[in-house]
Amino acid sequence: GSSSNITTYSESSVGLSLVKSESQVVPRDGMGHAVNFRIRYNVNGDYGPWVEIPNAFITYDLLPPNPPTALTVTLLRDRMDTIPDVIKAEWTRDAVSPGTGVVIYATSFLNKKHTLYTSNGPETECRIENVSRFVVQDEGPAVARPYIFSIAATNISEKSSEKQAAAPIHITSKLKPVDPPTPDEIAGTAREVEYATLKAEVFADVMTTLGSLPPEGQSIVNNAVDKTVLKIKDVIAKGGRVEMADFGVFTAKWTNERLARNPSNGEPVVVPAYRNLGFTPSLGFKTGTKTGAVMTDLQAKPAAN
């Protein structure tokens, strides 16, 4: 068939050309077709030689189908602890342009849309399990939340607008899994100690050992602990190493320079080397933790063999 050039003069001057066909070239079936073209310029009757363009790949997309005319969603089973929910979705295809498939969505109360189901088959109903996985509560009791369900028809090229179910469905949310307690937590020996508590307990140990301290004793102990911690941080921040008997080794470790990519544009960038903190527990610390006892390195040597 014939065609015409719809490129502007300025675009043509830099070698660009957009050609519009005056008639349909391939069927509008959404499929790819191999087409051979011949093209030449025609400037006021001045014709150029034909140029062959073999095996051009052309797809003429189908029009979007019409959405299903109805969607009904039923909650067959609500979530019960770790037993997931089950819903049943039923839909009616459009009689004129139904498409060849469907996609079903659920939008949570957080206004996040999730794809639940896709199909290219003739079915008009399905069952979907575990919709409630999209809303996870940190703590119980589990609360039922509304989900808005919608469906769209699809064909090989396009997707229709969406048809919503008449009303939201409330489904009980999933609870975040809780790790089972450790033997130490069951025995009641596990503790979480804040820095202030640690200093108070060190002060109590000092009082037990010495029997008495001057009135400013609490402040002296607190400052001593603070200075110890800050001194370790100061040495490590400058690339050094601190070894504490019966405890372990703090050290500054340098990473290797490496090549990476800028996430915004994909350009290669060099990530320079930088310091990292490393800590290696001593033999007494490791062995004592394993056996549940406070041990010096010397005490741990026979126990480690």
Foldseek 3Di string as FASTA:
>chain_A
DDKDWPDDPVCVVVPDTDIGDPDDDDDQPQDKDFDKDWDWDADPNDTDDIDIDGGDIDGRYDDAFAFFPAKAKAWPAFDDAPAKTKMKIFTHADPPGRAQKKWKWKQWPVRDIDTFDIDRHDDGMDMTIHPQAVDEAADDDWFWTWIKMWMWHGHSGDIHDIDTHPGTDTHTHHYDDDDDDDPCVVVVNDDDDDPVRVLVVVLVVVCVVPVDDPPCSSVVSSVVVVVVVVVCVVQQVVQHKDADFQFWIKGKDKDCWDWDADVVPRHIDIDHIDIDIDIDTAQQVVQCVVVVHRGGNVRNVVVVD
